[in-house]
């Protein structure tokens, strides 16, 4: 039996959210699953993701293959890095240090992106106000 970690859709029409589940690859998308690992809400700003790391690592060690989307989600949380280091028999301190380093780098990157977004909005707002002020004074 080929086991996959993949998304199953929930939510109403045009407002999806997903469960991250472990299931037989031959089952349909919303069929019966073996275990639920977490949830993913892509429509929220920023997207909300909750994953049980211990369950995910247990299933990865058992040979479950993540789908492409789940692979990117697990990678973003540092779970695949943790799995890779555990597979290579790295010391637990090394694993914890590497995951902490990854998470701090991602947090720093996200902060830079948020700052860039807000500065772009401010620049657009300032540019939008300038022409209207010149037309009013003329």
C-alpha atoms as a PDB file:
ATOM      1  CA  UNK A   1       0.000   0.000   0.000  1.00  0.00           C
ATOM      2  CA  UNK A   2       1.385   3.382  -1.030  1.00  0.00           C
ATOM      3  CA  UNK A   3       0.765   5.970   1.682  1.00  0.00           C
ATOM      4  CA  UNK A   4       0.639   9.676   0.855  1.00  0.00           C
ATOM      5  CA  UNK A   5       0.486  12.811   2.972  1.00  0.00           C
ATOM      6  CA  UNK A   6      -1.841  15.141   1.123  1.00  0.00           C
ATOM      7  CA  UNK A   7      -4.572  17.751   1.407  1.00  0.00           C
ATOM      8  CA  UNK A   8      -8.268  17.033   1.675  1.00  0.00           C
ATOM      9  CA  UNK A   9     -10.661  19.888   0.978  1.00  0.00           C
ATOM     10  CA  UNK A  10     -13.145  21.246   3.491  1.00  0.00           C
ATOM     11  CA  UNK A  11     -15.112  24.469   3.750  1.00  0.00           C
ATOM     12  CA  UNK A  12     -17.930  25.854   1.714  1.00  0.00           C
ATOM     13  CA  UNK A  13     -18.094  26.855  -1.912  1.00  0.00           C
ATOM     14  CA  UNK A  14     -15.265  29.244  -2.924  1.00  0.00           C
ATOM     15  CA  UNK A  15     -13.988  29.436   0.681  1.00  0.00           C
ATOM     16  CA  UNK A  16     -11.773  26.376   1.011  1.00  0.00           C
ATOM     17  CA  UNK A  17      -9.644  25.196   3.861  1.00  0.00           C
ATOM     18  CA  UNK A  18      -7.763  21.963   3.943  1.00  0.00           C
ATOM     19  CA  UNK A  19      -6.842  19.140   6.288  1.00  0.00           C
ATOM     20  CA  UNK A  20      -3.380  17.644   6.001  1.00  0.00           C
ATOM     21  CA  UNK A  21      -4.010  13.914   6.136  1.00  0.00           C
ATOM     22  CA  UNK A  22      -2.287  10.582   5.634  1.00  0.00           C
ATOM     23  CA  UNK A  23      -4.141   8.244   3.286  1.00  0.00           C
ATOM     24  CA  UNK A  24      -3.777   5.438   0.797  1.00  0.00           C
ATOM     25  CA  UNK A  25      -2.797   6.962  -2.546  1.00  0.00           C
ATOM     26  CA  UNK A  26      -5.556   5.007  -4.311  1.00  0.00           C
ATOM     27  CA  UNK A  27      -8.327   6.669  -2.294  1.00  0.00           C
ATOM     28  CA  UNK A  28     -10.225   9.652  -3.656  1.00  0.00           C
ATOM     29  CA  UNK A  29      -9.328  13.171  -2.492  1.00  0.00           C
ATOM     30  CA  UNK A  30     -11.940  13.493   0.257  1.00  0.00           C
ATOM     31  CA  UNK A  31     -12.092   9.792   1.110  1.00  0.00           C
ATOM     32  CA  UNK A  32     -11.281   8.000   4.347  1.00  0.00           C
ATOM     33  CA  UNK A  33      -7.875   8.829   5.806  1.00  0.00           C
ATOM     34  CA  UNK A  34      -5.569   7.070   8.253  1.00  0.00           C
ATOM     35  CA  UNK A  35      -4.512  10.080  10.332  1.00  0.00           C
ATOM     36  CA  UNK A  36      -4.936  13.856  10.388  1.00  0.00           C
ATOM     37  CA  UNK A  37      -1.706  15.851  10.790  1.00  0.00           C
ATOM     38  CA  UNK A  38      -3.003  19.418  10.709  1.00  0.00           C
ATOM     39  CA  UNK A  39      -4.931  22.113   8.880  1.00  0.00           C
ATOM     40  CA  UNK A  40      -4.199  24.738   6.240  1.00  0.00           C
ATOM     41  CA  UNK A  41      -6.254  27.913   5.696  1.00  0.00           C
ATOM     42  CA  UNK A  42      -4.863  29.616   2.556  1.00  0.00           C
ATOM     43  CA  UNK A  43      -7.547  32.340   2.342  1.00  0.00           C
ATOM     44  CA  UNK A  44      -6.541  33.977   5.623  1.00  0.00           C
ATOM     45  CA  UNK A  45      -3.992  36.771   5.524  1.00  0.00           C
ATOM     46  CA  UNK A  46      -1.327  35.484   6.191  1.00  0.00           C
ATOM     47  CA  UNK A  47      -2.177  31.854   5.454  1.00  0.00           C
ATOM     48  CA  UNK A  48      -2.679  29.858   8.652  1.00  0.00           C
ATOM     49  CA  UNK A  49      -0.954  26.491   8.952  1.00  0.00           C
ATOM     50  CA  UNK A  50      -0.956  24.087  11.898  1.00  0.00           C
ATOM     51  CA  UNK A  51       0.914  20.785  11.748  1.00  0.00           C
ATOM     52  CA  UNK A  52       1.595  18.198  14.446  1.00  0.00           C
ATOM     53  CA  UNK A  53       5.355  17.762  13.943  1.00  0.00           C
ATOM     54  CA  UNK A  54       5.662  14.496  15.850  1.00  0.00           C
ATOM     55  CA  UNK A  55       2.922  12.821  13.818  1.00  0.00           C
ATOM     56  CA  UNK A  56       4.363  14.161  10.560  1.00  0.00           C
ATOM     57  CA  UNK A  57       7.839  12.883  11.409  1.00  0.00           C
ATOM     58  CA  UNK A  58       6.405   9.507  12.458  1.00  0.00           C
ATOM     59  CA  UNK A  59       4.639   9.075   9.119  1.00  0.00           C
ATOM     60  CA  UNK A  60       7.640  10.305   7.122  1.00  0.00           C
ATOM     61  CA  UNK A  61       9.855   7.787   8.942  1.00  0.00           C
ATOM     62  CA  UNK A  62       7.294   5.087   8.121  1.00  0.00           C
ATOM     63  CA  UNK A  63       7.693   5.896   4.409  1.00  0.00           C
ATOM     64  CA  UNK A  64       4.736   8.152   3.634  1.00  0.00           C
ATOM     65  CA  UNK A  65       5.354  10.372   0.610  1.00  0.00           C
ATOM     66  CA  UNK A  66       4.115  13.991   0.732  1.00  0.00           C
ATOM     67  CA  UNK A  67       2.308  15.501  -2.250  1.00  0.00           C
ATOM     68  CA  UNK A  68       3.940  18.507  -3.931  1.00  0.00           C
ATOM     69  CA  UNK A  69       1.866  21.042  -2.002  1.00  0.00           C
ATOM     70  CA  UNK A  70       2.319  19.307   1.338  1.00  0.00           C
ATOM     71  CA  UNK A  71       6.033  18.981   0.588  1.00  0.00           C
ATOM     72  CA  UNK A  72       6.322  22.769   0.285  1.00  0.00           C
ATOM     73  CA  UNK A  73       4.237  23.300   3.445  1.00  0.00           C
ATOM     74  CA  UNK A  74       6.352  20.850   5.459  1.00  0.00           C
ATOM     75  CA  UNK A  75       9.508  22.404   4.082  1.00  0.00           C
ATOM     76  CA  UNK A  76       8.338  25.848   5.128  1.00  0.00           C
ATOM     77  CA  UNK A  77       7.816  24.650   8.701  1.00  0.00           C
ATOM     78  CA  UNK A  78      11.259  23.014   8.840  1.00  0.00           C
ATOM     79  CA  UNK A  79       9.828  19.517   9.238  1.00  0.00           C
ATOM     80  CA  UNK A  80      11.535  18.126   6.134  1.00  0.00           C
ATOM     81  CA  UNK A  81      14.887  19.520   7.291  1.00  0.00           C
ATOM     82  CA  UNK A  82      14.321  17.848  10.639  1.00  0.00           C
ATOM     83  CA  UNK A  83      13.377  14.571   8.911  1.00  0.00           C
ATOM     84  CA  UNK A  84      16.456  14.674   6.685  1.00  0.00           C
ATOM     85  CA  UNK A  85      18.790  15.272   9.617  1.00  0.00           C
ATOM     86  CA  UNK A  86      17.134  12.531  11.664  1.00  0.00           C
ATOM     87  CA  UNK A  87      17.492  10.141   8.716  1.00  0.00           C
ATOM     88  CA  UNK A  88      21.218  10.918   8.629  1.00  0.00           C
ATOM     89  CA  UNK A  89      21.506  10.135  12.374  1.00  0.00           C
ATOM     90  CA  UNK A  90      22.459  13.690  13.327  1.00  0.00           C
ATOM     91  CA  UNK A  91      22.658  14.537  17.021  1.00  0.00           C
ATOM     92  CA  UNK A  92      19.425  15.991  18.496  1.00  0.00           C
ATOM     93  CA  UNK A  93      21.277  19.227  19.354  1.00  0.00           C
ATOM     94  CA  UNK A  94      22.318  19.654  15.716  1.00  0.00           C
ATOM     95  CA  UNK A  95      18.753  19.019  14.562  1.00  0.00           C
ATOM     96  CA  UNK A  96      17.318  21.564  17.017  1.00  0.00           C
ATOM     97  CA  UNK A  97      19.965  24.157  16.129  1.00  0.00           C
ATOM     98  CA  UNK A  98      19.414  23.752  12.378  1.00  0.00           C
ATOM     99  CA  UNK A  99      15.635  24.039  12.688  1.00  0.00           C
ATOM    100  CA  UNK A 100      15.955  27.119  14.915  1.00  0.00           C
ATOM    101  CA  UNK A 101      18.323  28.707  12.410  1.00  0.00           C
ATOM    102  CA  UNK A 102      15.911  28.003   9.557  1.00  0.00           C
ATOM    103  CA  UNK A 103      12.928  29.419  11.448  1.00  0.00           C
ATOM    104  CA  UNK A 104      14.804  32.597  12.432  1.00  0.00           C
ATOM    105  CA  UNK A 105      15.956  33.124   8.834  1.00  0.00           C
ATOM    106  CA  UNK A 106      12.387  32.689   7.558  1.00  0.00           C
ATOM    107  CA  UNK A 107      11.019  35.058  10.202  1.00  0.00           C
ATOM    108  CA  UNK A 108      13.612  37.666   9.215  1.00  0.00           C
ATOM    109  CA  UNK A 109      12.725  37.232   5.530  1.00  0.00           C
ATOM    110  CA  UNK A 110       9.008  37.570   6.275  1.00  0.00           C
ATOM    111  CA  UNK A 111       9.649  40.736   8.290  1.00  0.00           C
ATOM    112  CA  UNK A 112      11.631  42.240   5.394  1.00  0.00           C
ATOM    113  CA  UNK A 113       8.835  41.376   2.956  1.00  0.00           C
ATOM    114  CA  UNK A 114       6.181  42.876   5.230  1.00  0.00           C
ATOM    115  CA  UNK A 115       8.226  46.053   5.597  1.00  0.00           C
ATOM    116  CA  UNK A 116       8.660  46.283   1.813  1.00  0.00           C
ATOM    117  CA  UNK A 117       4.910  45.819   1.315  1.00  0.00           C
ATOM    118  CA  UNK A 118       4.014  48.572   3.770  1.00  0.00           C
ATOM    119  CA  UNK A 119       6.575  50.974   2.310  1.00  0.00           C
ATOM    120  CA  UNK A 120       5.186  50.346  -1.201  1.00  0.00           C
ATOM    121  CA  UNK A 121       1.663  51.073   0.045  1.00  0.00           C
ATOM    122  CA  UNK A 122       2.827  54.287   1.684  1.00  0.00           C
ATOM    123  CA  UNK A 123       4.608  55.356  -1.499  1.00  0.00           C
ATOM    124  CA  UNK A 124       1.483  54.651  -3.572  1.00  0.00           C
ATOM    125  CA  UNK A 125      -0.673  56.574  -1.129  1.00  0.00           C
ATOM    126  CA  UNK A 126       1.721  59.515  -1.197  1.00  0.00           C
ATOM    127  CA  UNK A 127       1.810  59.468  -4.997  1.00  0.00           C
ATOM    128  CA  UNK A 128      -1.973  59.331  -5.136  1.00  0.00           C
ATOM    129  CA  UNK A 129      -2.323  62.327  -2.806  1.00  0.00           C
ATOM    130  CA  UNK A 130       0.187  64.534  -4.631  1.00  0.00           C
ATOM    131  CA  UNK A 131      -1.701  64.961  -7.951  1.00  0.00           C
ATOM    132  CA  UNK A 132      -4.983  65.692  -6.186  1.00  0.00           C
ATOM    133  CA  UNK A 133      -3.344  68.457  -4.112  1.00  0.00           C
ATOM    134  CA  UNK A 134      -1.906  70.147  -7.222  1.00  0.00           C
ATOM    135  CA  UNK A 135      -5.267  70.139  -9.013  1.00  0.00           C
ATOM    136  CA  UNK A 136      -7.005  71.653  -5.989  1.00  0.00           C
ATOM    137  CA  UNK A 137      -4.493  74.531  -5.665  1.00  0.00           C
ATOM    138  CA  UNK A 138      -4.654  75.459  -9.359  1.00  0.00           C
END
